[in-house]
Amino acid sequence: MRTGLLLYLDSEGSSYSEVAEPLEALGFRPSSEGYDFEYAWEAPGTVREAVALADRVHEALHGLTVYFRMETFEGPDRESSRHG
């Protein structure tokens, strides 16, 4: 299971590098597959765990003036099974 994270930065908010630091601390890595960052789950997760990850992202980005969108999907094919 993987989770892709797309960021929407505001020119009046934090810089990309300021936003990247707390995300990388959560386990996200930069991505080149249509997302800014991707989280690779160690084991198959549940929808509840994906929601908990979204809550952690929300908390980590609080106050940085950045919007985000997350999509969780199975395996390498993003089109096969989306949860978010």
C-alpha atoms as a PDB file:
ATOM      1  CA  MET A   1       0.000   0.000   0.000  1.00  0.00           C
ATOM      2  CA  ARG A   2       1.242   3.501  -0.824  1.00  0.00           C
ATOM      3  CA  THR A   3      -0.017   6.994  -0.081  1.00  0.00           C
ATOM      4  CA  GLY A   4       0.651   9.879  -2.453  1.00  0.00           C
ATOM      5  CA  LEU A   5       0.671  13.439  -1.139  1.00  0.00           C
ATOM      6  CA  LEU A   6       0.112  16.476  -3.340  1.00  0.00           C
ATOM      7  CA  LEU A   7       0.930  19.885  -1.867  1.00  0.00           C
ATOM      8  CA  TYR A   8      -0.566  23.273  -2.677  1.00  0.00           C
ATOM      9  CA  LEU A   9       1.756  25.979  -1.363  1.00  0.00           C
ATOM     10  CA  ASP A  10       0.757  29.592  -0.803  1.00  0.00           C
ATOM     11  CA  SER A  11       3.217  32.319  -1.780  1.00  0.00           C
ATOM     12  CA  GLU A  12       2.555  33.944   1.602  1.00  0.00           C
ATOM     13  CA  GLY A  13       3.185  30.699   3.491  1.00  0.00           C
ATOM     14  CA  SER A  14       6.118  28.413   4.161  1.00  0.00           C
ATOM     15  CA  SER A  15       8.700  27.385   1.592  1.00  0.00           C
ATOM     16  CA  TYR A  16       8.819  23.918   0.066  1.00  0.00           C
ATOM     17  CA  SER A  17      11.880  22.992   2.144  1.00  0.00           C
ATOM     18  CA  GLU A  18      10.122  24.070   5.360  1.00  0.00           C
ATOM     19  CA  VAL A  19       7.171  21.857   4.455  1.00  0.00           C
ATOM     20  CA  ALA A  20       9.342  18.904   3.368  1.00  0.00           C
ATOM     21  CA  GLU A  21      11.126  18.557   6.707  1.00  0.00           C
ATOM     22  CA  PRO A  22       8.145  17.551   8.878  1.00  0.00           C
ATOM     23  CA  LEU A  23       6.792  15.289   6.114  1.00  0.00           C
ATOM     24  CA  GLU A  24      10.073  13.429   5.804  1.00  0.00           C
ATOM     25  CA  ALA A  25      10.092  13.034   9.600  1.00  0.00           C
ATOM     26  CA  LEU A  26       6.749  11.197   9.215  1.00  0.00           C
ATOM     27  CA  GLY A  27       8.270   8.816   6.667  1.00  0.00           C
ATOM     28  CA  PHE A  28       7.279  10.493   3.395  1.00  0.00           C
ATOM     29  CA  ARG A  29       9.825  10.596   0.578  1.00  0.00           C
ATOM     30  CA  PRO A  30       9.933  12.899  -2.455  1.00  0.00           C
ATOM     31  CA  SER A  31       8.129  11.397  -5.438  1.00  0.00           C
ATOM     32  CA  SER A  32       8.236  11.868  -9.182  1.00  0.00           C
ATOM     33  CA  GLU A  33       5.071   9.896  -9.972  1.00  0.00           C
ATOM     34  CA  GLY A  34       2.543  12.741 -10.009  1.00  0.00           C
ATOM     35  CA  TYR A  35       2.823  13.448  -6.279  1.00  0.00           C
ATOM     36  CA  ASP A  36       5.160  15.667  -4.309  1.00  0.00           C
ATOM     37  CA  PHE A  37       5.713  12.984  -1.660  1.00  0.00           C
ATOM     38  CA  GLU A  38       4.911   9.324  -1.194  1.00  0.00           C
ATOM     39  CA  TYR A  39       4.557   7.164   1.905  1.00  0.00           C
ATOM     40  CA  ALA A  40       5.299   3.453   1.455  1.00  0.00           C
ATOM     41  CA  TRP A  41       3.533   1.359   4.054  1.00  0.00           C
ATOM     42  CA  GLU A  42       5.597  -1.421   5.634  1.00  0.00           C
ATOM     43  CA  ALA A  43       2.594  -3.772   5.635  1.00  0.00           C
ATOM     44  CA  PRO A  44      -0.889  -3.629   4.146  1.00  0.00           C
ATOM     45  CA  GLY A  45      -2.871  -1.034   6.054  1.00  0.00           C
ATOM     46  CA  THR A  46      -6.481  -0.213   6.631  1.00  0.00           C
ATOM     47  CA  VAL A  47      -8.605   2.787   5.807  1.00  0.00           C
ATOM     48  CA  ARG A  48      -8.497   3.693   9.506  1.00  0.00           C
ATOM     49  CA  GLU A  49      -4.671   3.714   9.396  1.00  0.00           C
ATOM     50  CA  ALA A  50      -4.734   5.886   6.267  1.00  0.00           C
ATOM     51  CA  VAL A  51      -7.017   8.347   8.077  1.00  0.00           C
ATOM     52  CA  ALA A  52      -4.653   8.352  11.068  1.00  0.00           C
ATOM     53  CA  LEU A  53      -1.758   9.142   8.714  1.00  0.00           C
ATOM     54  CA  ALA A  54      -3.763  12.039   7.255  1.00  0.00           C
ATOM     55  CA  ASP A  55      -4.323  13.328  10.787  1.00  0.00           C
ATOM     56  CA  ARG A  56      -0.558  13.196  11.446  1.00  0.00           C
ATOM     57  CA  VAL A  57       0.103  15.090   8.193  1.00  0.00           C
ATOM     58  CA  HIS A  58      -2.499  17.697   9.161  1.00  0.00           C
ATOM     59  CA  GLU A  59      -0.843  18.155  12.557  1.00  0.00           C
ATOM     60  CA  ALA A  60       2.671  18.338  11.053  1.00  0.00           C
ATOM     61  CA  LEU A  61       1.626  21.005   8.520  1.00  0.00           C
ATOM     62  CA  HIS A  62      -0.463  23.065  10.954  1.00  0.00           C
ATOM     63  CA  GLY A  63       0.481  26.727  10.728  1.00  0.00           C
ATOM     64  CA  LEU A  64       2.562  26.396   7.544  1.00  0.00           C
ATOM     65  CA  THR A  65      -0.134  27.772   5.181  1.00  0.00           C
ATOM     66  CA  VAL A  66      -0.140  24.746   2.903  1.00  0.00           C
ATOM     67  CA  TYR A  67      -3.022  22.679   1.549  1.00  0.00           C
ATOM     68  CA  PHE A  68      -2.671  19.022   0.712  1.00  0.00           C
ATOM     69  CA  ARG A  69      -4.405  16.106  -0.933  1.00  0.00           C
ATOM     70  CA  MET A  70      -3.689  12.474  -0.136  1.00  0.00           C
ATOM     71  CA  GLU A  71      -4.523   9.315  -2.076  1.00  0.00           C
ATOM     72  CA  THR A  72      -3.893   5.820  -0.754  1.00  0.00           C
ATOM     73  CA  PHE A  73      -3.658   2.973  -3.229  1.00  0.00           C
ATOM     74  CA  GLU A  74      -2.586  -0.639  -3.461  1.00  0.00           C
ATOM     75  CA  GLY A  75       0.716  -1.646  -5.025  1.00  0.00           C
ATOM     76  CA  PRO A  76       2.313  -0.006  -8.044  1.00  0.00           C
ATOM     77  CA  ASP A  77      -0.924   0.654  -9.968  1.00  0.00           C
ATOM     78  CA  ARG A  78      -2.620   3.779  -8.617  1.00  0.00           C
ATOM     79  CA  GLU A  79      -5.712   3.207 -10.716  1.00  0.00           C
ATOM     80  CA  SER A  80      -6.576  -0.207  -9.224  1.00  0.00           C
ATOM     81  CA  SER A  81      -7.694   0.674  -5.699  1.00  0.00           C
ATOM     82  CA  ARG A  82      -8.003   4.160  -4.251  1.00  0.00           C
ATOM     83  CA  HIS A  83      -8.969   4.991  -0.675  1.00  0.00           C
ATOM     84  CA  GLY A  84      -8.902   8.757  -0.477  1.00  0.00           C
END
